[in-house]
Amino acid sequence: GLTARSGNRYDFKCNGVKNEKREDIFNFICKSENGRGENASFQVDVSFLATDYTKYGVLYRCVKTDTHFEDNVFLIFREKEPDENKVEEIKKTLRLE
């Protein structure tokens, strides 16, 4: 789960599969419920854009609901606190700045 700044807690459950046409994309159908009893269903598509297979990965996430669309690029690391110089080097190389 996730707790928002408002203090409201959100719980998520997602089921996903590898996309049949592109193996670098995974499609998820998710459901959320918050502390106020509000429920939502939404689709999340995740694409892996780059990785070195040992230390980092870059992924693109697209979230679609009935009324909302949001997309983001994430630079993720295995290390909890990666070297900041390495982060900047990867961002520059991949033009993520």
PDB file of N, CA and C in Angstrom:
ATOM      1  N   GLY A   1       0.807  -1.186   0.000  1.00  0.00           N
ATOM      2  CA  GLY A   1       0.000   0.000   0.000  1.00  0.00           C
ATOM      3  C   GLY A   1       0.850   1.249   0.000  1.00  0.00           C
ATOM      4  N   LEU A   2       0.187   2.362  -0.085  1.00  0.00           N
ATOM      5  CA  LEU A   2       0.819   3.666  -0.179  1.00  0.00           C
ATOM      6  C   LEU A   2       0.012   4.631   0.667  1.00  0.00           C
ATOM      7  N   THR A   3       0.693   5.489   1.410  1.00  0.00           N
ATOM      8  CA  THR A   3       0.005   6.512   2.184  1.00  0.00           C
ATOM      9  C   THR A   3       0.279   7.861   1.543  1.00  0.00           C
ATOM     10  N   ALA A   4      -0.773   8.567   1.139  1.00  0.00           N
ATOM     11  CA  ALA A   4      -0.653   9.865   0.487  1.00  0.00           C
ATOM     12  C   ALA A   4      -0.332  10.940   1.511  1.00  0.00           C
ATOM     13  N   ARG A   5       0.059  12.108   1.010  1.00  0.00           N
ATOM     14  CA  ARG A   5       0.367  13.236   1.900  1.00  0.00           C
ATOM     15  C   ARG A   5      -0.818  13.591   2.788  1.00  0.00           C
ATOM     16  N   SER A   6      -2.016  13.363   2.289  1.00  0.00           N
ATOM     17  CA  SER A   6      -3.226  13.667   3.060  1.00  0.00           C
ATOM     18  C   SER A   6      -3.418  12.709   4.226  1.00  0.00           C
ATOM     19  N   GLY A   7      -2.607  11.629   4.269  1.00  0.00           N
ATOM     20  CA  GLY A   7      -2.745  10.632   5.313  1.00  0.00           C
ATOM     21  C   GLY A   7      -3.658   9.488   4.913  1.00  0.00           C
ATOM     22  N   ASN A   8      -4.279   9.601   3.737  1.00  0.00           N
ATOM     23  CA  ASN A   8      -5.172   8.551   3.252  1.00  0.00           C
ATOM     24  C   ASN A   8      -4.346   7.386   2.704  1.00  0.00           C
ATOM     25  N   ARG A   9      -4.691   6.176   3.086  1.00  0.00           N
ATOM     26  CA  ARG A   9      -3.957   4.983   2.651  1.00  0.00           C
ATOM     27  C   ARG A   9      -4.613   4.385   1.412  1.00  0.00           C
ATOM     28  N   TYR A  10      -3.773   3.994   0.453  1.00  0.00           N
ATOM     29  CA  TYR A  10      -4.235   3.344  -0.772  1.00  0.00           C
ATOM     30  C   TYR A  10      -3.637   1.945  -0.841  1.00  0.00           C
ATOM     31  N   ASP A  11      -4.462   0.961  -1.155  1.00  0.00           N
ATOM     32  CA  ASP A  11      -3.999  -0.405  -1.379  1.00  0.00           C
ATOM     33  C   ASP A  11      -4.224  -0.743  -2.844  1.00  0.00           C
ATOM     34  N   PHE A  12      -3.205  -1.365  -3.470  1.00  0.00           N
ATOM     35  CA  PHE A  12      -3.256  -1.693  -4.890  1.00  0.00           C
ATOM     36  C   PHE A  12      -3.117  -3.192  -5.085  1.00  0.00           C
ATOM     37  N   LYS A  13      -3.824  -3.713  -6.065  1.00  0.00           N
ATOM     38  CA  LYS A  13      -3.656  -5.098  -6.504  1.00  0.00           C
ATOM     39  C   LYS A  13      -3.620  -5.070  -8.020  1.00  0.00           C
ATOM     40  N   CYS A  14      -2.558  -5.632  -8.595  1.00  0.00           N
ATOM     41  CA  CYS A  14      -2.397  -5.633 -10.044  1.00  0.00           C
ATOM     42  C   CYS A  14      -2.108  -7.040 -10.541  1.00  0.00           C
ATOM     43  N   ASN A  15      -2.670  -7.355 -11.688  1.00  0.00           N
ATOM     44  CA  ASN A  15      -2.358  -8.594 -12.388  1.00  0.00           C
ATOM     45  C   ASN A  15      -1.872  -8.208 -13.771  1.00  0.00           C
ATOM     46  N   GLY A  16      -0.757  -8.809 -14.185  1.00  0.00           N
ATOM     47  CA  GLY A  16      -0.193  -8.420 -15.459  1.00  0.00           C
ATOM     48  C   GLY A  16       0.290  -9.578 -16.292  1.00  0.00           C
ATOM     49  N   VAL A  17       0.465  -9.271 -17.567  1.00  0.00           N
ATOM     50  CA  VAL A  17       0.982 -10.241 -18.527  1.00  0.00           C
ATOM     51  C   VAL A  17       1.925  -9.531 -19.486  1.00  0.00           C
ATOM     52  N   LYS A  18       2.798 -10.310 -20.100  1.00  0.00           N
ATOM     53  CA  LYS A  18       3.658  -9.779 -21.142  1.00  0.00           C
ATOM     54  C   LYS A  18       2.792  -9.510 -22.367  1.00  0.00           C
ATOM     55  N   ASN A  19       2.998  -8.375 -23.001  1.00  0.00           N
ATOM     56  CA  ASN A  19       2.256  -8.008 -24.195  1.00  0.00           C
ATOM     57  C   ASN A  19       2.507  -9.037 -25.295  1.00  0.00           C
ATOM     58  N   GLU A  20       1.459  -9.447 -25.995  1.00  0.00           N
ATOM     59  CA  GLU A  20       1.592 -10.481 -27.025  1.00  0.00           C
ATOM     60  C   GLU A  20       2.354 -10.007 -28.255  1.00  0.00           C
ATOM     61  N   LYS A  21       2.318  -8.706 -28.545  1.00  0.00           N
ATOM     62  CA  LYS A  21       2.963  -8.183 -29.750  1.00  0.00           C
ATOM     63  C   LYS A  21       4.383  -7.683 -29.507  1.00  0.00           C
ATOM     64  N   ARG A  22       4.641  -7.206 -28.284  1.00  0.00           N
ATOM     65  CA  ARG A  22       5.978  -6.677 -27.963  1.00  0.00           C
ATOM     66  C   ARG A  22       6.415  -7.219 -26.619  1.00  0.00           C
ATOM     67  N   GLU A  23       7.512  -7.955 -26.604  1.00  0.00           N
ATOM     68  CA  GLU A  23       7.932  -8.590 -25.355  1.00  0.00           C
ATOM     69  C   GLU A  23       8.618  -7.642 -24.386  1.00  0.00           C
ATOM     70  N   ASP A  24       8.845  -6.381 -24.768  1.00  0.00           N
ATOM     71  CA  ASP A  24       9.405  -5.399 -23.836  1.00  0.00           C
ATOM     72  C   ASP A  24       8.314  -4.633 -23.090  1.00  0.00           C
ATOM     73  N   ILE A  25       7.052  -4.964 -23.333  1.00  0.00           N
ATOM     74  CA  ILE A  25       5.928  -4.285 -22.686  1.00  0.00           C
ATOM     75  C   ILE A  25       5.160  -5.276 -21.821  1.00  0.00           C
ATOM     76  N   PHE A  26       4.790  -4.815 -20.636  1.00  0.00           N
ATOM     77  CA  PHE A  26       3.948  -5.602 -19.736  1.00  0.00           C
ATOM     78  C   PHE A  26       2.679  -4.806 -19.466  1.00  0.00           C
ATOM     79  N   ASN A  27       1.530  -5.463 -19.530  1.00  0.00           N
ATOM     80  CA  ASN A  27       0.233  -4.823 -19.330  1.00  0.00           C
ATOM     81  C   ASN A  27      -0.366  -5.303 -18.015  1.00  0.00           C
ATOM     82  N   PHE A  28      -0.794  -4.355 -17.185  1.00  0.00           N
ATOM     83  CA  PHE A  28      -1.370  -4.665 -15.878  1.00  0.00           C
ATOM     84  C   PHE A  28      -2.766  -4.067 -15.768  1.00  0.00           C
ATOM     85  N   ILE A  29      -3.677  -4.803 -15.178  1.00  0.00           N
ATOM     86  CA  ILE A  29      -4.976  -4.277 -14.776  1.00  0.00           C
ATOM     87  C   ILE A  29      -4.917  -4.176 -13.253  1.00  0.00           C
ATOM     88  N   CYS A  30      -5.147  -2.972 -12.743  1.00  0.00           N
ATOM     89  CA  CYS A  30      -4.988  -2.725 -11.308  1.00  0.00           C
ATOM     90  C   CYS A  30      -6.295  -2.235 -10.694  1.00  0.00           C
ATOM     91  N   LYS A  31      -6.436  -2.525  -9.428  1.00  0.00           N
ATOM     92  CA  LYS A  31      -7.566  -2.041  -8.638  1.00  0.00           C
ATOM     93  C   LYS A  31      -6.993  -1.406  -7.379  1.00  0.00           C
ATOM     94  N   SER A  32      -7.565  -0.286  -6.992  1.00  0.00           N
ATOM     95  CA  SER A  32      -7.121   0.372  -5.765  1.00  0.00           C
ATOM     96  C   SER A  32      -8.317   0.651  -4.873  1.00  0.00           C
ATOM     97  N   GLU A  33      -8.029   0.711  -3.598  1.00  0.00           N
ATOM     98  CA  GLU A  33      -9.035   1.085  -2.604  1.00  0.00           C
ATOM     99  C   GLU A  33      -8.332   1.979  -1.600  1.00  0.00           C
ATOM    100  N   ASN A  34      -8.997   3.059  -1.204  1.00  0.00           N
ATOM    101  CA  ASN A  34      -8.367   3.937  -0.225  1.00  0.00           C
ATOM    102  C   ASN A  34      -9.090   3.861   1.105  1.00  0.00           C
ATOM    103  N   GLY A  35      -8.556   4.560   2.078  1.00  0.00           N
ATOM    104  CA  GLY A  35      -9.094   4.533   3.430  1.00  0.00           C
ATOM    105  C   GLY A  35     -10.502   5.086   3.554  1.00  0.00           C
ATOM    106  N   ARG A  36     -10.961   5.798   2.530  1.00  0.00           N
ATOM    107  CA  ARG A  36     -12.332   6.334   2.541  1.00  0.00           C
ATOM    108  C   ARG A  36     -13.309   5.378   1.862  1.00  0.00           C
ATOM    109  N   GLY A  37     -12.821   4.194   1.437  1.00  0.00           N
ATOM    110  CA  GLY A  37     -13.688   3.214   0.788  1.00  0.00           C
ATOM    111  C   GLY A  37     -13.914   3.457  -0.688  1.00  0.00           C
ATOM    112  N   GLU A  38     -13.133   4.358  -1.285  1.00  0.00           N
ATOM    113  CA  GLU A  38     -13.263   4.638  -2.714  1.00  0.00           C
ATOM    114  C   GLU A  38     -12.473   3.596  -3.503  1.00  0.00           C
ATOM    115  N   ASN A  39     -13.073   3.059  -4.560  1.00  0.00           N
ATOM    116  CA  ASN A  39     -12.439   2.042  -5.386  1.00  0.00           C
ATOM    117  C   ASN A  39     -12.200   2.584  -6.788  1.00  0.00           C
ATOM    118  N   ALA A  40     -11.134   2.112  -7.423  1.00  0.00           N
ATOM    119  CA  ALA A  40     -10.840   2.503  -8.802  1.00  0.00           C
ATOM    120  C   ALA A  40     -10.190   1.332  -9.519  1.00  0.00           C
ATOM    121  N   SER A  41     -10.427   1.257 -10.822  1.00  0.00           N
ATOM    122  CA  SER A  41      -9.753   0.291 -11.682  1.00  0.00           C
ATOM    123  C   SER A  41      -9.003   1.077 -12.742  1.00  0.00           C
ATOM    124  N   PHE A  42      -7.825   0.606 -13.107  1.00  0.00           N
ATOM    125  CA  PHE A  42      -7.042   1.311 -14.111  1.00  0.00           C
ATOM    126  C   PHE A  42      -6.057   0.359 -14.767  1.00  0.00           C
ATOM    127  N   GLN A  43      -5.585   0.775 -15.933  1.00  0.00           N
ATOM    128  CA  GLN A  43      -4.617  -0.006 -16.694  1.00  0.00           C
ATOM    129  C   GLN A  43      -3.247   0.642 -16.554  1.00  0.00           C
ATOM    130  N   VAL A  44      -2.221  -0.183 -16.361  1.00  0.00           N
ATOM    131  CA  VAL A  44      -0.843   0.293 -16.301  1.00  0.00           C
ATOM    132  C   VAL A  44      -0.045  -0.504 -17.322  1.00  0.00           C
ATOM    133  N   ASP A  45       0.622   0.212 -18.228  1.00  0.00           N
ATOM    134  CA  ASP A  45       1.511  -0.422 -19.195  1.00  0.00           C
ATOM    135  C   ASP A  45       2.932  -0.011 -18.853  1.00  0.00           C
ATOM    136  N   VAL A  46       3.827  -0.985 -18.801  1.00  0.00           N
ATOM    137  CA  VAL A  46       5.221  -0.729 -18.440  1.00  0.00           C
ATOM    138  C   VAL A  46       6.116  -1.255 -19.554  1.00  0.00           C
ATOM    139  N   SER A  47       7.042  -0.403 -20.012  1.00  0.00           N
ATOM    140  CA  SER A  47       8.021  -0.795 -21.026  1.00  0.00           C
ATOM    141  C   SER A  47       9.415  -0.624 -20.452  1.00  0.00           C
ATOM    142  N   PHE A  48      10.267  -1.595 -20.690  1.00  0.00           N
ATOM    143  CA  PHE A  48      11.656  -1.491 -20.278  1.00  0.00           C
ATOM    144  C   PHE A  48      12.442  -0.872 -21.423  1.00  0.00           C
ATOM    145  N   LEU A  49      13.027   0.305 -21.175  1.00  0.00           N
ATOM    146  CA  LEU A  49      13.713   1.050 -22.225  1.00  0.00           C
ATOM    147  C   LEU A  49      15.198   0.755 -22.299  1.00  0.00           C
ATOM    148  N   ALA A  50      15.824   0.539 -21.149  1.00  0.00           N
ATOM    149  CA  ALA A  50      17.269   0.290 -21.125  1.00  0.00           C
ATOM    150  C   ALA A  50      17.644  -0.370 -19.807  1.00  0.00           C
ATOM    151  N   THR A  51      18.729  -1.133 -19.830  1.00  0.00           N
ATOM    152  CA  THR A  51      19.271  -1.733 -18.612  1.00  0.00           C
ATOM    153  C   THR A  51      20.697  -2.185 -18.870  1.00  0.00           C
ATOM    154  N   ASP A  52      21.472  -2.272 -17.806  1.00  0.00           N
ATOM    155  CA  ASP A  52      22.791  -2.896 -17.913  1.00  0.00           C
ATOM    156  C   ASP A  52      22.749  -4.307 -17.334  1.00  0.00           C
ATOM    157  N   TYR A  53      21.575  -4.747 -16.905  1.00  0.00           N
ATOM    158  CA  TYR A  53      21.305  -6.084 -16.354  1.00  0.00           C
ATOM    159  C   TYR A  53      21.994  -6.366 -15.025  1.00  0.00           C
ATOM    160  N   THR A  54      22.676  -5.376 -14.456  1.00  0.00           N
ATOM    161  CA  THR A  54      23.310  -5.595 -13.153  1.00  0.00           C
ATOM    162  C   THR A  54      23.009  -4.493 -12.147  1.00  0.00           C
ATOM    163  N   LYS A  55      23.004  -3.222 -12.594  1.00  0.00           N
ATOM    164  CA  LYS A  55      22.888  -2.117 -11.645  1.00  0.00           C
ATOM    165  C   LYS A  55      21.659  -1.235 -11.830  1.00  0.00           C
ATOM    166  N   TYR A  56      21.230  -1.000 -13.077  1.00  0.00           N
ATOM    167  CA  TYR A  56      20.143  -0.045 -13.280  1.00  0.00           C
ATOM    168  C   TYR A  56      19.206  -0.477 -14.405  1.00  0.00           C
ATOM    169  N   GLY A  57      18.053   0.152 -14.419  1.00  0.00           N
ATOM    170  CA  GLY A  57      17.087  -0.032 -15.494  1.00  0.00           C
ATOM    171  C   GLY A  57      16.321   1.260 -15.707  1.00  0.00           C
ATOM    172  N   VAL A  58      15.840   1.443 -16.916  1.00  0.00           N
ATOM    173  CA  VAL A  58      15.006   2.592 -17.239  1.00  0.00           C
ATOM    174  C   VAL A  58      13.675   2.041 -17.730  1.00  0.00           C
ATOM    175  N   LEU A  59      12.594   2.512 -17.120  1.00  0.00           N
ATOM    176  CA  LEU A  59      11.298   2.041 -17.580  1.00  0.00           C
ATOM    177  C   LEU A  59      10.336   3.191 -17.784  1.00  0.00           C
ATOM    178  N   TYR A  60       9.421   2.961 -18.695  1.00  0.00           N
ATOM    179  CA  TYR A  60       8.367   3.909 -19.022  1.00  0.00           C
ATOM    180  C   TYR A  60       7.065   3.332 -18.497  1.00  0.00           C
ATOM    181  N   ARG A  61       6.291   4.157 -17.802  1.00  0.00           N
ATOM    182  CA  ARG A  61       5.026   3.712 -17.235  1.00  0.00           C
ATOM    183  C   ARG A  61       3.906   4.615 -17.741  1.00  0.00           C
ATOM    184  N   CYS A  62       2.846   3.988 -18.206  1.00  0.00           N
ATOM    185  CA  CYS A  62       1.670   4.704 -18.678  1.00  0.00           C
ATOM    186  C   CYS A  62       0.468   4.198 -17.892  1.00  0.00           C
ATOM    187  N   VAL A  63      -0.244   5.111 -17.225  1.00  0.00           N
ATOM    188  CA  VAL A  63      -1.426   4.754 -16.438  1.00  0.00           C
ATOM    189  C   VAL A  63      -2.649   5.353 -17.120  1.00  0.00           C
ATOM    190  N   LYS A  64      -3.659   4.513 -17.361  1.00  0.00           N
ATOM    191  CA  LYS A  64      -4.893   4.975 -18.003  1.00  0.00           C
ATOM    192  C   LYS A  64      -6.089   4.628 -17.119  1.00  0.00           C
ATOM    193  N   THR A  65      -6.913   5.641 -16.847  1.00  0.00           N
ATOM    194  CA  THR A  65      -8.192   5.418 -16.176  1.00  0.00           C
ATOM    195  C   THR A  65      -9.277   5.938 -17.113  1.00  0.00           C
ATOM    196  N   ASP A  66     -10.509   5.888 -16.674  1.00  0.00           N
ATOM    197  CA  ASP A  66     -11.596   6.414 -17.505  1.00  0.00           C
ATOM    198  C   ASP A  66     -11.455   7.907 -17.764  1.00  0.00           C
ATOM    199  N   THR A  67     -10.858   8.625 -16.832  1.00  0.00           N
ATOM    200  CA  THR A  67     -10.799  10.089 -16.934  1.00  0.00           C
ATOM    201  C   THR A  67      -9.390  10.660 -16.925  1.00  0.00           C
ATOM    202  N   HIS A  68      -8.373   9.832 -16.831  1.00  0.00           N
ATOM    203  CA  HIS A  68      -7.027  10.338 -16.581  1.00  0.00           C
ATOM    204  C   HIS A  68      -5.986   9.536 -17.354  1.00  0.00           C
ATOM    205  N   PHE A  69      -4.931  10.216 -17.761  1.00  0.00           N
ATOM    206  CA  PHE A  69      -3.791   9.581 -18.411  1.00  0.00           C
ATOM    207  C   PHE A  69      -2.534  10.181 -17.789  1.00  0.00           C
ATOM    208  N   GLU A  70      -1.598   9.342 -17.421  1.00  0.00           N
ATOM    209  CA  GLU A  70      -0.339   9.822 -16.842  1.00  0.00           C
ATOM    210  C   GLU A  70       0.781   8.915 -17.315  1.00  0.00           C
ATOM    211  N   ASP A  71       1.910   9.530 -17.679  1.00  0.00           N
ATOM    212  CA  ASP A  71       3.059   8.707 -18.035  1.00  0.00           C
ATOM    213  C   ASP A  71       4.317   9.274 -17.403  1.00  0.00           C
ATOM    214  N   ASN A  72       5.258   8.378 -17.114  1.00  0.00           N
ATOM    215  CA  ASN A  72       6.504   8.740 -16.446  1.00  0.00           C
ATOM    216  C   ASN A  72       7.622   7.847 -16.949  1.00  0.00           C
ATOM    217  N   VAL A  73       8.839   8.352 -16.827  1.00  0.00           N
ATOM    218  CA  VAL A  73      10.038   7.546 -17.052  1.00  0.00           C
ATOM    219  C   VAL A  73      10.744   7.435 -15.709  1.00  0.00           C
ATOM    220  N   PHE A  74      11.118   6.212 -15.332  1.00  0.00           N
ATOM    221  CA  PHE A  74      11.797   5.960 -14.068  1.00  0.00           C
ATOM    222  C   PHE A  74      13.185   5.403 -14.328  1.00  0.00           C
ATOM    223  N   LEU A  75      14.165   5.928 -13.625  1.00  0.00           N
ATOM    224  CA  LEU A  75      15.519   5.376 -13.594  1.00  0.00           C
ATOM    225  C   LEU A  75      15.622   4.640 -12.268  1.00  0.00           C
ATOM    226  N   ILE A  76      15.709   3.311 -12.323  1.00  0.00           N
ATOM    227  CA  ILE A  76      15.690   2.498 -11.108  1.00  0.00           C
ATOM    228  C   ILE A  76      17.040   1.818 -10.913  1.00  0.00           C
ATOM    229  N   PHE A  77      17.417   1.640  -9.652  1.00  0.00           N
ATOM    230  CA  PHE A  77      18.698   1.038  -9.296  1.00  0.00           C
ATOM    231  C   PHE A  77      18.497  -0.100  -8.313  1.00  0.00           C
ATOM    232  N   ARG A  78      19.405  -1.055  -8.353  1.00  0.00           N
ATOM    233  CA  ARG A  78      19.394  -2.132  -7.356  1.00  0.00           C
ATOM    234  C   ARG A  78      19.855  -1.603  -5.996  1.00  0.00           C
ATOM    235  N   GLU A  79      20.826  -0.687  -6.022  1.00  0.00           N
ATOM    236  CA  GLU A  79      21.330  -0.102  -4.774  1.00  0.00           C
ATOM    237  C   GLU A  79      20.280   0.841  -4.188  1.00  0.00           C
ATOM    238  N   LYS A  80      20.153   0.836  -2.887  1.00  0.00           N
ATOM    239  CA  LYS A  80      19.201   1.733  -2.229  1.00  0.00           C
ATOM    240  C   LYS A  80      19.596   3.193  -2.426  1.00  0.00           C
ATOM    241  N   GLU A  81      20.895   3.470  -2.355  1.00  0.00           N
ATOM    242  CA  GLU A  81      21.393   4.831  -2.543  1.00  0.00           C
ATOM    243  C   GLU A  81      22.529   4.806  -3.561  1.00  0.00           C
ATOM    244  N   PRO A  82      22.198   4.861  -4.859  1.00  0.00           N
ATOM    245  CA  PRO A  82      23.232   4.789  -5.894  1.00  0.00           C
ATOM    246  C   PRO A  82      24.122   6.032  -5.899  1.00  0.00           C
ATOM    247  N   ASP A  83      25.312   5.871  -6.427  1.00  0.00           N
ATOM    248  CA  ASP A  83      26.268   6.965  -6.554  1.00  0.00           C
ATOM    249  C   ASP A  83      25.665   8.060  -7.443  1.00  0.00           C
ATOM    250  N   GLU A  84      25.607   9.277  -6.927  1.00  0.00           N
ATOM    251  CA  GLU A  84      24.971  10.388  -7.644  1.00  0.00           C
ATOM    252  C   GLU A  84      25.669  10.694  -8.970  1.00  0.00           C
ATOM    253  N   ASN A  85      26.997  10.536  -9.028  1.00  0.00           N
ATOM    254  CA  ASN A  85      27.722  10.762 -10.279  1.00  0.00           C
ATOM    255  C   ASN A  85      27.307   9.749 -11.338  1.00  0.00           C
ATOM    256  N   LYS A  86      27.102   8.499 -10.930  1.00  0.00           N
ATOM    257  CA  LYS A  86      26.659   7.455 -11.855  1.00  0.00           C
ATOM    258  C   LYS A  86      25.248   7.755 -12.358  1.00  0.00           C
ATOM    259  N   VAL A  87      24.387   8.229 -11.465  1.00  0.00           N
ATOM    260  CA  VAL A  87      23.022   8.594 -11.853  1.00  0.00           C
ATOM    261  C   VAL A  87      23.062   9.675 -12.928  1.00  0.00           C
ATOM    262  N   GLU A  88      23.843  10.721 -12.699  1.00  0.00           N
ATOM    263  CA  GLU A  88      23.938  11.822 -13.661  1.00  0.00           C
ATOM    264  C   GLU A  88      24.536  11.355 -14.982  1.00  0.00           C
ATOM    265  N   GLU A  89      25.522  10.472 -14.924  1.00  0.00           N
ATOM    266  CA  GLU A  89      26.144   9.930 -16.138  1.00  0.00           C
ATOM    267  C   GLU A  89      25.117   9.158 -16.981  1.00  0.00           C
ATOM    268  N   ILE A  90      24.322   8.321 -16.338  1.00  0.00           N
ATOM    269  CA  ILE A  90      23.302   7.541 -17.052  1.00  0.00           C
ATOM    270  C   ILE A  90      22.236   8.473 -17.628  1.00  0.00           C
ATOM    271  N   LYS A  91      21.785   9.451 -16.841  1.00  0.00           N
ATOM    272  CA  LYS A  91      20.787  10.398 -17.331  1.00  0.00           C
ATOM    273  C   LYS A  91      21.290  11.143 -18.563  1.00  0.00           C
ATOM    274  N   LYS A  92      22.552  11.559 -18.534  1.00  0.00           N
ATOM    275  CA  LYS A  92      23.125  12.288 -19.665  1.00  0.00           C
ATOM    276  C   LYS A  92      23.244  11.378 -20.883  1.00  0.00           C
ATOM    277  N   THR A  93      23.752  10.168 -20.687  1.00  0.00           N
ATOM    278  CA  THR A  93      23.916   9.221 -21.792  1.00  0.00           C
ATOM    279  C   THR A  93      22.578   8.909 -22.457  1.00  0.00           C
ATOM    280  N   LEU A  94      21.532   8.743 -21.653  1.00  0.00           N
ATOM    281  CA  LEU A  94      20.212   8.380 -22.180  1.00  0.00           C
ATOM    282  C   LEU A  94      19.326   9.594 -22.479  1.00  0.00           C
ATOM    283  N   ARG A  95      19.897  10.792 -22.320  1.00  0.00           N
ATOM    284  CA  ARG A  95      19.176  12.050 -22.577  1.00  0.00           C
ATOM    285  C   ARG A  95      17.892  12.149 -21.759  1.00  0.00           C
ATOM    286  N   LEU A  96      18.012  11.866 -20.472  1.00  0.00           N
ATOM    287  CA  LEU A  96      16.866  11.925 -19.559  1.00  0.00           C
ATOM    288  C   LEU A  96      16.816  13.226 -18.775  1.00  0.00           C
ATOM    289  N   GLU A  97      17.634  14.183 -19.141  1.00  0.00           N
ATOM    290  CA  GLU A  97      17.659  15.439 -18.388  1.00  0.00           C
ATOM    291  C   GLU A  97      16.635  16.411 -18.901  1.00  0.00           C
TER     292      GLU A  97
END
